[in-house]
N, C-alpha and C. Protein backbone atom coordinates (compact mmCIF):
# COMPACT_ATOMS: atom_id res chain seq x y z
N ASP A 1 -49.79 11.66 10.98
CA ASP A 1 -49.92 12.47 10.59
C ASP A 1 -49.65 14.18 11.48
N GLU A 2 -50.22 13.44 13.05
CA GLU A 2 -50.15 14.73 13.77
C GLU A 2 -48.65 14.96 13.92
N ASP A 3 -47.44 13.85 13.87
CA ASP A 3 -46.20 14.14 14.14
C ASP A 3 -45.60 14.94 13.35
N GLU A 4 -45.89 14.93 11.93
CA GLU A 4 -45.41 15.91 11.04
C GLU A 4 -46.11 17.28 10.92
N ASP A 5 -47.39 17.58 11.90
CA ASP A 5 -47.83 18.48 12.05
C ASP A 5 -47.29 19.37 12.93
N GLU A 6 -46.92 18.78 14.10
CA GLU A 6 -46.17 19.13 15.17
C GLU A 6 -44.76 19.56 14.70
N ALA A 7 -44.06 18.75 13.56
CA ALA A 7 -42.79 19.14 13.55
C ALA A 7 -42.69 20.66 12.49
N GLU A 8 -43.87 20.36 11.58
CA GLU A 8 -44.19 22.08 10.74
C GLU A 8 -44.02 23.15 11.43
N ASP A 9 -44.85 22.94 12.62
CA ASP A 9 -45.33 24.04 13.76
C ASP A 9 -43.90 24.11 14.43
N GLU A 10 -43.01 23.49 14.83
CA GLU A 10 -41.78 23.56 15.13
C GLU A 10 -40.91 24.11 14.45
N ASP A 11 -40.81 24.07 13.01
CA ASP A 11 -39.92 24.66 12.10
C ASP A 11 -40.25 25.96 11.96
N GLU A 12 -41.90 26.24 11.82
CA GLU A 12 -42.18 27.60 11.86
C GLU A 12 -41.87 28.85 13.22
N ASP A 13 -41.60 28.04 14.25
CA ASP A 13 -41.84 28.73 15.48
C ASP A 13 -40.23 29.09 15.15
N GLU A 14 -39.37 28.22 14.72
CA GLU A 14 -37.83 28.79 14.82
C GLU A 14 -37.25 29.46 14.05
N ASP A 15 -38.23 29.30 12.87
CA ASP A 15 -37.82 30.85 11.65
C ASP A 15 -38.21 31.76 12.03
N GLU A 16 -39.49 31.92 12.82
CA GLU A 16 -39.92 33.28 13.30
C GLU A 16 -39.01 33.96 14.45
N ALA A 17 -38.41 32.63 15.30
CA ALA A 17 -37.41 33.39 16.45
C ALA A 17 -35.91 33.57 15.32
N GLU A 18 -35.83 32.88 14.72
CA GLU A 18 -34.34 33.36 13.62
C GLU A 18 -34.76 34.74 13.35
N ASP A 19 -36.18 35.07 12.77
CA ASP A 19 -36.26 36.47 11.85
C ASP A 19 -36.32 37.45 13.01
N GLU A 20 -37.02 37.24 14.07
CA GLU A 20 -36.86 38.22 15.27
C GLU A 20 -35.11 38.48 15.83
N ASP A 21 -34.42 37.50 15.59
CA ASP A 21 -33.12 37.75 16.22
C ASP A 21 -32.52 38.68 15.23
N GLU A 22 -32.31 38.15 13.55
CA GLU A 22 -32.06 39.30 12.80
C GLU A 22 -32.67 40.54 13.04
N ASP A 23 -33.89 40.67 13.59
CA ASP A 23 -34.16 42.05 13.30
C ASP A 23 -33.40 42.88 14.40
N GLU A 24 -33.56 42.07 15.57
CA GLU A 24 -32.94 42.80 16.62
C GLU A 24 -31.40 42.94 16.34
N ASP A 25 -30.65 42.03 15.31
CA ASP A 25 -29.19 42.23 15.16
C ASP A 25 -29.02 43.70 14.40
N GLU A 26 -30.02 43.47 13.40
CA GLU A 26 -30.17 44.96 12.47
C GLU A 26 -30.13 46.04 13.35
N ALA A 27 -31.21 45.94 14.04
CA ALA A 27 -31.65 47.36 15.36
C ALA A 27 -30.40 47.68 15.90
N LYS A 28 -29.68 46.50 16.40
CA LYS A 28 -28.38 46.80 17.19
C LYS A 28 -27.56 47.72 16.44
N ASP A 29 -27.35 46.81 15.08
CA ASP A 29 -26.11 47.13 14.50
C ASP A 29 -26.64 49.08 13.94
N GLU A 30 -27.60 49.04 13.58
CA GLU A 30 -28.35 50.81 13.57
C GLU A 30 -28.02 51.77 14.60
N ALA A 31 -28.09 51.31 15.66
CA ALA A 31 -27.83 52.11 17.12
C ALA A 31 -26.46 52.24 16.89
N GLU A 32 -25.72 51.02 16.81
CA GLU A 32 -24.21 51.60 16.74
C GLU A 32 -23.63 52.24 16.02
N THR A 33 -24.23 52.68 14.83
CA THR A 33 -23.78 53.24 13.89
C THR A 33 -24.66 54.53 13.35
N GLU A 34 -25.81 55.42 14.50
CA GLU A 34 -25.96 56.04 14.42
C GLU A 34 -25.40 57.39 14.57
N ASP A 35 -24.09 57.23 15.46
CA ASP A 35 -23.15 58.28 15.44
C ASP A 35 -22.11 58.55 14.76
N ARG A 36 -21.76 57.51 14.13
CA ARG A 36 -20.43 57.27 13.41
C ARG A 36 -20.58 58.61 11.94
N VAL A 37 -19.60 59.12 11.90
CA VAL A 37 -20.02 59.90 10.28
C VAL A 37 -18.37 59.82 9.34
N VAL A 38 -18.90 59.58 8.17
CA VAL A 38 -17.46 59.54 7.81
C VAL A 38 -17.45 60.24 6.49
N HIS A 39 -15.92 60.56 6.55
CA HIS A 39 -15.61 61.83 5.67
C HIS A 39 -14.67 61.04 4.76
N LEU A 40 -15.05 61.60 3.38
CA LEU A 40 -14.64 61.09 2.14
C LEU A 40 -13.74 61.74 1.39
N PHE A 41 -12.68 61.49 1.19
CA PHE A 41 -11.82 62.41 0.30
C PHE A 41 -11.95 62.25 -1.52
N GLY A 42 -12.02 63.39 -1.93
CA GLY A 42 -11.83 62.93 -3.35
C GLY A 42 -10.84 64.46 -4.03
N GLY A 43 -11.23 64.64 -5.33
CA GLY A 43 -10.68 65.18 -5.81
C GLY A 43 -9.46 65.75 -5.68
N ASN A 44 -8.82 66.93 -4.91
CA ASN A 44 -7.57 67.42 -4.82
C ASN A 44 -7.79 66.91 -3.44
N LEU A 45 -8.25 66.10 -2.37
CA LEU A 45 -8.30 65.43 -1.14
C LEU A 45 -9.13 65.66 -0.40
N ALA A 46 -9.72 67.37 -1.03
CA ALA A 46 -10.44 67.98 -0.14
C ALA A 46 -11.79 67.06 0.50
N PHE A 47 -12.66 67.47 1.62
CA PHE A 47 -13.71 66.77 1.47
C PHE A 47 -14.78 66.98 0.75
N SER A 48 -14.77 65.96 0.08
CA SER A 48 -16.15 66.12 -0.94
C SER A 48 -17.38 65.43 -0.68
N GLU A 49 -17.32 65.02 0.37
CA GLU A 49 -18.88 64.76 1.01
C GLU A 49 -18.78 64.18 2.13
N LEU A 50 -19.87 64.07 3.08
CA LEU A 50 -19.92 63.92 4.42
C LEU A 50 -21.13 62.56 4.56
N LEU A 51 -20.70 61.62 4.94
CA LEU A 51 -21.65 60.41 5.09
C LEU A 51 -22.21 60.26 6.50
N GLU A 52 -23.47 60.50 6.83
CA GLU A 52 -23.65 60.23 8.27
C GLU A 52 -24.60 58.68 7.94
N SER A 53 -24.81 58.51 9.19
CA SER A 53 -25.80 57.59 9.31
C SER A 53 -27.25 58.06 8.71
N LYS A 54 -27.77 56.95 7.72
CA LYS A 54 -28.68 57.25 7.08
C LYS A 54 -30.16 57.28 7.85
N GLY A 55 -30.94 58.17 7.91
CA GLY A 55 -32.18 58.10 8.37
C GLY A 55 -33.44 57.49 7.82
N ASP A 56 -34.72 57.34 8.26
CA ASP A 56 -35.24 56.60 7.59
C ASP A 56 -35.64 57.17 6.03
N ASN A 57 -35.73 58.53 6.29
CA ASN A 57 -36.14 59.06 4.70
C ASN A 57 -35.02 59.37 4.14
N GLU A 58 -33.79 59.16 4.26
CA GLU A 58 -32.54 59.77 3.57
C GLU A 58 -32.35 58.68 2.39
N PRO A 59 -32.14 59.31 1.12
CA PRO A 59 -31.78 58.84 -0.01
C PRO A 59 -30.25 58.18 0.07
N GLU A 60 -30.32 56.92 -0.52
CA GLU A 60 -28.98 56.29 -0.64
C GLU A 60 -28.13 57.34 -1.51
N ARG A 61 -27.00 57.55 -1.14
CA ARG A 61 -25.70 58.27 -1.45
C ARG A 61 -24.93 57.66 -2.36
N GLU A 62 -24.43 57.83 -3.49
CA GLU A 62 -23.64 57.03 -4.55
C GLU A 62 -22.23 58.15 -4.00
N TYR A 63 -21.32 57.17 -4.32
CA TYR A 63 -19.73 57.75 -4.43
C TYR A 63 -19.05 56.91 -5.14
N ASP A 64 -18.48 57.98 -6.46
CA ASP A 64 -17.46 57.12 -7.24
C ASP A 64 -16.11 56.95 -6.65
N TYR A 65 -15.86 56.07 -6.19
CA TYR A 65 -14.75 55.66 -5.25
C TYR A 65 -13.36 55.48 -6.31
N GLU A 66 -12.97 55.20 -7.59
CA GLU A 66 -12.72 55.17 -8.89
C GLU A 66 -12.10 56.24 -9.32
N GLU A 67 -13.15 57.19 -9.73
CA GLU A 67 -12.77 58.73 -9.75
C GLU A 67 -12.00 59.61 -8.38
N ALA A 68 -12.65 59.19 -7.15
CA ALA A 68 -11.94 59.85 -6.60
C ALA A 68 -9.98 59.37 -6.16
N TYR A 69 -10.02 58.24 -6.29
CA TYR A 69 -8.55 57.66 -6.27
C TYR A 69 -8.02 58.12 -7.34
N ALA A 70 -8.57 58.11 -8.42
CA ALA A 70 -7.50 58.68 -9.79
C ALA A 70 -7.36 60.04 -9.33
N GLN A 71 -8.15 60.92 -8.64
CA GLN A 71 -7.66 62.48 -8.66
C GLN A 71 -7.33 62.77 -7.59
N SER A 72 -6.88 61.67 -6.39
CA SER A 72 -6.00 61.70 -5.48
C SER A 72 -4.85 61.66 -5.53
N ASN A 73 -4.52 60.89 -6.39
CA ASN A 73 -2.98 60.57 -6.22
C ASN A 73 -2.36 59.84 -5.52
N ARG A 74 -2.96 58.62 -4.97
CA ARG A 74 -2.28 57.73 -3.72
C ARG A 74 -1.89 58.82 -2.37
N PRO A 75 -2.84 58.86 -1.68
CA PRO A 75 -2.96 59.24 -0.38
C PRO A 75 -2.54 57.87 0.48
N ASN A 76 -1.33 58.29 1.03
CA ASN A 76 -0.75 56.79 1.79
C ASN A 76 -1.15 56.89 3.60
N HIS A 77 -0.52 57.76 4.15
CA HIS A 77 -0.85 57.66 5.49
C HIS A 77 -1.13 59.11 5.97
N ILE A 78 -1.58 59.28 6.99
CA ILE A 78 -1.95 60.85 7.65
C ILE A 78 -1.68 60.74 8.76
N ILE A 79 -1.24 61.81 9.52
CA ILE A 79 -1.20 62.48 10.85
C ILE A 79 -1.71 63.56 11.46
N ALA A 80 -2.06 63.88 12.31
CA ALA A 80 -3.00 64.74 13.02
C ALA A 80 -1.85 65.51 14.02
N LEU A 81 -1.71 66.80 13.48
CA LEU A 81 -0.98 67.89 14.17
C LEU A 81 -1.40 68.71 14.38
N ASP A 82 -1.81 69.34 15.41
CA ASP A 82 -1.98 70.90 15.85
C ASP A 82 -3.37 70.94 15.27
N ASN A 83 -4.11 70.26 15.21
CA ASN A 83 -5.71 70.02 14.58
C ASN A 83 -5.22 70.42 12.63
N MET A 84 -4.33 70.34 12.30
CA MET A 84 -4.13 69.87 10.95
C MET A 84 -4.12 68.52 10.33
N MET A 85 -4.10 68.00 9.17
CA MET A 85 -4.21 66.68 8.86
C MET A 85 -2.76 66.80 7.60
N ASN A 86 -2.06 65.75 8.10
CA ASN A 86 -0.87 66.06 6.87
C ASN A 86 -0.66 64.44 6.60
N VAL A 87 -0.85 64.75 4.98
CA VAL A 87 -1.06 63.34 4.18
C VAL A 87 -0.43 63.09 3.00
N SER A 88 0.62 61.97 3.15
CA SER A 88 1.60 61.63 2.47
C SER A 88 0.82 60.98 1.44
N ASN A 89 1.35 61.86 0.24
CA ASN A 89 0.63 61.65 -1.24
C ASN A 89 1.59 61.07 -2.33
N GLY A 90 1.89 59.83 -2.61
CA GLY A 90 2.82 58.98 -3.04
C GLY A 90 2.50 59.59 -5.03
N GLY A 91 1.50 59.72 -5.37
CA GLY A 91 1.64 60.33 -6.47
C GLY A 91 1.71 61.62 -6.69
N LYS A 92 1.56 62.71 -5.62
CA LYS A 92 2.11 63.78 -6.15
C LYS A 92 3.57 64.22 -5.51
N ASN A 93 4.35 63.04 -4.69
CA ASN A 93 5.32 63.32 -4.43
C ASN A 93 5.28 64.71 -3.47
N CYS A 94 4.88 64.54 -2.17
CA CYS A 94 4.63 65.86 -1.45
C CYS A 94 3.86 65.34 -0.14
N ILE A 95 3.61 65.91 0.63
CA ILE A 95 2.99 66.18 2.21
C ILE A 95 2.35 67.12 1.69
N GLU A 96 0.64 66.59 1.94
CA GLU A 96 -0.38 67.89 1.85
C GLU A 96 -0.83 67.98 3.20
N VAL A 97 -1.30 69.05 3.47
CA VAL A 97 -1.67 69.88 4.98
C VAL A 97 -3.28 70.16 4.17
N PHE A 98 -4.18 70.13 5.54
CA PHE A 98 -5.71 70.28 5.43
C PHE A 98 -6.18 70.40 6.33
N GLN A 99 -6.72 71.42 6.98
CA GLN A 99 -7.55 71.93 8.27
C GLN A 99 -8.37 70.91 8.29
N GLY A 100 -9.00 70.75 10.04
CA GLY A 100 -9.91 69.94 9.96
C GLY A 100 -10.95 69.49 9.22
N ASN A 101 -11.51 70.69 8.85
CA ASN A 101 -12.96 70.13 8.12
C ASN A 101 -12.21 70.41 6.41
N GLY A 102 -11.12 69.92 5.95
CA GLY A 102 -10.58 69.38 4.51
C GLY A 102 -10.68 70.47 3.76
N GLN A 103 -10.13 71.62 4.29
CA GLN A 103 -9.72 72.50 3.44
C GLN A 103 -8.42 72.66 3.32
N PHE A 104 -7.87 72.52 1.79
CA PHE A 104 -6.39 72.45 1.58
C PHE A 104 -5.84 73.63 2.41
N ILE A 105 -4.48 73.66 2.70
CA ILE A 105 -3.78 74.61 3.09
C ILE A 105 -2.44 74.75 2.24
N ARG A 106 -1.62 73.83 2.38
CA ARG A 106 -0.46 74.06 1.71
C ARG A 106 0.18 72.21 1.34
N GLN A 107 1.30 72.42 0.31
CA GLN A 107 1.72 71.07 0.24
C GLN A 107 3.28 71.56 0.64
N PHE A 108 4.28 70.33 0.86
CA PHE A 108 5.86 70.73 1.06
C PHE A 108 6.47 69.22 0.60
N GLY A 109 7.69 69.20 0.64
CA GLY A 109 8.22 68.02 0.30
C GLY A 109 8.91 67.72 -0.96
N LYS A 110 8.08 68.68 -1.95
CA LYS A 110 8.44 68.69 -3.57
C LYS A 110 9.91 68.59 -3.49
N GLY A 111 10.62 67.71 -4.49
CA GLY A 111 12.01 67.51 -4.56
C GLY A 111 12.95 66.86 -3.38
N PHE A 112 11.98 66.57 -2.04
CA PHE A 112 12.78 65.90 -1.29
C PHE A 112 12.28 64.80 -0.79
N VAL A 113 11.12 64.20 -1.05
CA VAL A 113 10.66 63.30 -1.11
C VAL A 113 9.87 62.53 -2.41
N LYS A 114 10.31 61.17 -2.59
CA LYS A 114 9.84 60.41 -3.32
C LYS A 114 8.83 59.49 -2.99
N ALA A 115 7.87 59.52 -3.48
CA ALA A 115 6.89 57.91 -3.48
C ALA A 115 6.42 58.03 -1.41
N PRO A 116 5.98 59.42 -1.08
CA PRO A 116 6.15 59.05 0.30
C PRO A 116 5.04 58.40 0.79
N VAL A 117 5.36 57.44 1.63
CA VAL A 117 4.37 56.69 2.37
C VAL A 117 4.28 57.05 3.91
N GLY A 118 5.31 56.37 4.82
CA GLY A 118 5.16 56.56 5.96
C GLY A 118 5.32 58.04 6.09
N ILE A 119 4.26 58.48 7.56
CA ILE A 119 4.68 60.03 7.94
C ILE A 119 4.25 59.78 9.66
N ALA A 120 5.20 60.84 10.21
CA ALA A 120 5.24 60.18 11.65
C ALA A 120 5.59 61.81 12.22
N ALA A 121 5.43 62.00 13.38
CA ALA A 121 5.59 63.43 14.15
C ALA A 121 6.22 62.82 15.23
N GLY A 122 7.34 63.84 15.66
CA GLY A 122 8.07 63.79 16.73
C GLY A 122 7.19 64.91 18.15
N SER A 123 7.73 64.16 19.21
CA SER A 123 7.10 65.43 20.46
C SER A 123 8.07 66.59 20.28
N ASP A 124 8.90 67.17 19.36
CA ASP A 124 9.28 68.48 19.34
C ASP A 124 8.47 69.05 17.80
N GLY A 125 7.39 67.93 17.19
CA GLY A 125 6.59 69.04 16.07
C GLY A 125 7.30 68.62 14.77
N HIS A 126 8.47 67.89 14.73
CA HIS A 126 9.03 67.65 13.60
C HIS A 126 8.47 66.71 13.13
N ILE A 127 8.04 66.57 11.44
CA ILE A 127 7.43 65.34 10.71
C ILE A 127 8.21 64.98 10.13
N VAL A 128 8.58 63.43 10.56
CA VAL A 128 9.43 62.58 9.59
C VAL A 128 8.45 61.77 8.88
N VAL A 129 9.34 61.90 7.08
CA VAL A 129 8.61 61.03 5.95
C VAL A 129 9.28 60.07 5.53
N ALA A 130 9.03 59.03 5.24
CA ALA A 130 9.83 57.85 4.53
C ALA A 130 9.25 57.72 3.17
N SER A 131 10.48 57.86 2.51
CA SER A 131 10.06 57.91 0.84
C SER A 131 10.40 56.51 0.57
N LEU A 132 9.81 56.19 -0.05
CA LEU A 132 9.54 54.76 -0.74
C LEU A 132 10.55 54.57 -1.81
N ASP A 133 10.48 55.21 -2.74
CA ASP A 133 11.16 55.37 -4.16
C ASP A 133 12.54 55.93 -3.79
N ALA A 134 12.96 56.30 -2.85
CA ALA A 134 14.20 57.10 -2.60
C ALA A 134 15.08 56.51 -1.11
N ASN A 135 14.59 55.41 -0.79
CA ASN A 135 14.98 54.66 0.26
C ASN A 135 15.56 55.68 1.35
N LYS A 136 15.15 56.77 1.89
CA LYS A 136 15.39 57.59 2.85
C LYS A 136 14.23 58.21 3.53
N LEU A 137 14.91 58.83 4.64
CA LEU A 137 13.95 59.38 5.51
C LEU A 137 14.04 61.09 5.41
N SER A 138 13.19 61.81 5.47
CA SER A 138 13.63 63.33 5.64
C SER A 138 12.40 63.86 6.49
N ILE A 139 13.17 64.99 7.36
CA ILE A 139 12.59 65.32 8.35
C ILE A 139 12.60 66.91 8.16
N PHE A 140 11.06 67.39 8.25
CA PHE A 140 10.49 68.43 8.04
C PHE A 140 10.14 69.32 9.35
N THR A 141 10.01 70.69 9.09
CA THR A 141 9.31 71.53 10.09
C THR A 141 8.09 71.45 9.65
N GLN A 142 7.01 72.04 10.84
CA GLN A 142 5.77 72.08 10.63
C GLN A 142 5.38 72.80 9.30
N ASP A 143 6.15 73.71 8.91
CA ASP A 143 5.95 74.81 8.03
C ASP A 143 6.70 74.43 6.81
N GLY A 144 7.19 72.74 6.94
CA GLY A 144 7.41 72.05 5.73
C GLY A 144 9.13 72.65 4.90
N GLN A 145 9.95 73.33 5.96
CA GLN A 145 11.25 73.16 5.75
C GLN A 145 11.99 71.97 5.88
N CYS A 146 12.98 71.39 4.77
CA CYS A 146 13.40 70.14 5.03
C CYS A 146 14.81 70.66 6.08
N VAL A 147 14.78 69.67 7.29
CA VAL A 147 15.84 70.12 8.22
C VAL A 147 16.97 69.22 8.32
N HIS A 148 16.47 67.86 7.98
CA HIS A 148 17.53 66.78 7.79
C HIS A 148 17.18 65.50 6.78
N GLU A 149 17.88 65.03 6.20
CA GLU A 149 17.54 63.68 5.77
C GLU A 149 18.74 62.42 5.82
N VAL A 150 18.03 61.10 6.23
CA VAL A 150 19.04 60.15 6.35
C VAL A 150 18.63 59.09 5.01
N THR A 151 20.00 58.90 4.69
CA THR A 151 20.14 58.16 3.51
C THR A 151 21.15 57.42 3.61
N ASP A 152 21.84 57.27 4.24
CA ASP A 152 22.99 56.07 4.12
C ASP A 152 22.80 54.66 5.63
N ILE A 153 21.47 54.30 5.65
CA ILE A 153 21.55 53.25 6.72
C ILE A 153 21.28 52.01 5.82
N GLY A 154 20.88 51.97 4.53
CA GLY A 154 20.65 50.79 3.96
C GLY A 154 19.01 50.34 4.03
N LEU A 155 18.45 51.31 3.66
CA LEU A 155 16.97 51.01 3.47
C LEU A 155 16.58 50.55 2.38
N ASN A 156 15.24 50.14 2.28
CA ASN A 156 14.85 49.08 1.28
C ASN A 156 13.23 49.06 1.33
N CYS A 157 12.68 50.03 0.75
CA CYS A 157 11.29 50.44 0.93
C CYS A 157 10.86 50.26 2.24
N PRO A 158 10.89 51.56 2.65
CA PRO A 158 10.85 52.13 4.42
C PRO A 158 9.40 52.24 3.88
N TYR A 159 8.73 51.74 4.98
CA TYR A 159 6.96 52.00 4.71
C TYR A 159 5.97 52.46 5.87
N GLY A 160 6.49 51.94 7.11
CA GLY A 160 5.76 52.39 8.26
C GLY A 160 6.37 53.53 8.95
N LEU A 161 6.15 54.05 9.90
CA LEU A 161 7.10 55.15 10.62
C LEU A 161 6.47 55.26 12.02
N ALA A 162 7.00 55.35 13.29
CA ALA A 162 6.73 55.80 14.70
C ALA A 162 7.64 56.81 14.95
N VAL A 163 7.84 57.63 16.13
CA VAL A 163 8.53 58.14 16.99
C VAL A 163 7.98 57.83 18.29
N ASP A 164 9.10 57.70 18.95
CA ASP A 164 8.05 57.99 20.78
C ASP A 164 8.64 58.76 21.24
N SER A 165 8.23 58.73 22.53
CA SER A 165 8.43 60.29 23.27
C SER A 165 9.55 60.67 23.66
N ASP A 166 10.74 59.33 23.18
CA ASP A 166 12.14 60.13 23.45
C ASP A 166 12.88 60.56 22.29
N GLY A 167 11.96 60.39 21.24
CA GLY A 167 12.32 60.77 19.69
C GLY A 167 12.84 59.98 19.03
N LEU A 168 12.87 58.50 19.12
CA LEU A 168 13.41 57.37 18.49
C LEU A 168 12.30 57.35 17.47
N ILE A 169 13.19 57.23 16.39
CA ILE A 169 12.58 56.91 14.90
C ILE A 169 12.41 55.26 14.76
N TYR A 170 11.20 54.71 14.44
CA TYR A 170 11.27 53.49 14.28
C TYR A 170 10.46 53.30 12.59
N ILE A 171 11.66 52.41 11.92
CA ILE A 171 10.94 52.67 10.60
C ILE A 171 11.13 50.77 10.15
N ALA A 172 9.79 50.76 9.46
CA ALA A 172 9.57 49.44 9.02
C ALA A 172 10.18 49.33 7.58
N ASP A 173 11.13 48.95 7.66
CA ASP A 173 11.95 48.38 6.25
C ASP A 173 11.58 47.18 5.75
N ARG A 174 10.54 47.19 4.74
CA ARG A 174 9.79 45.97 4.21
C ARG A 174 10.51 45.56 3.98
N LEU A 175 11.46 45.77 2.49
CA LEU A 175 12.21 44.21 1.80
C LEU A 175 13.26 43.81 2.78
N ASN A 176 13.81 44.48 3.36
CA ASN A 176 14.88 44.10 4.32
C ASN A 176 14.11 43.28 5.45
N ILE A 177 13.34 42.91 5.64
CA ILE A 177 12.20 42.70 6.49
C ILE A 177 12.99 42.41 7.89
N ARG A 178 12.90 43.87 8.15
CA ARG A 178 13.24 44.52 9.62
C ARG A 178 12.66 45.42 10.06
N VAL A 179 12.98 45.97 11.06
CA VAL A 179 12.62 47.44 11.60
C VAL A 179 13.86 47.95 11.94
N VAL A 180 14.13 49.25 11.85
CA VAL A 180 15.41 49.99 12.24
C VAL A 180 15.01 51.02 13.13
N VAL A 181 15.77 51.09 14.37
CA VAL A 181 15.49 52.20 14.95
C VAL A 181 16.63 53.39 15.15
N LEU A 182 16.38 54.50 14.84
CA LEU A 182 17.23 55.30 14.81
C LEU A 182 17.39 56.10 16.09
């Protein structure tokens, strides 16, 4: 009986130690997220809510992700350029530009892009956009003027883009299973 009592005491001590470890982990996670801020887009992609780490007395906030997605028309990729966010919006077939606070400024690319996904900026400030459904690239000024289109390089579902400091454009050509460099 003494052996069983000792075993039970050891089990209780282990359980208490595990509970203390879990409490420490939770406290550490809370401390790590205290400074994090998440901005959620909704409606017309303007910031609809600002979620900060919850304090002890702060109520849970609910967010309707399905409604936000339905209204946003498929935002795909985003770049920050001169304190503006440029969002490729596949549902609206355009690029939408927002200030850092989420205020909508303008849109561009209608008639030039179809299901835009990849978006990148060159060191010259031009914005390169990959059109998924049109299998082409469109290059725009920051004001939204189309200055060049690349259509004849056999792209098949161009998706991701990057532009290096030398101005080379890297395209993830998804269905051709390759990376194209221009």
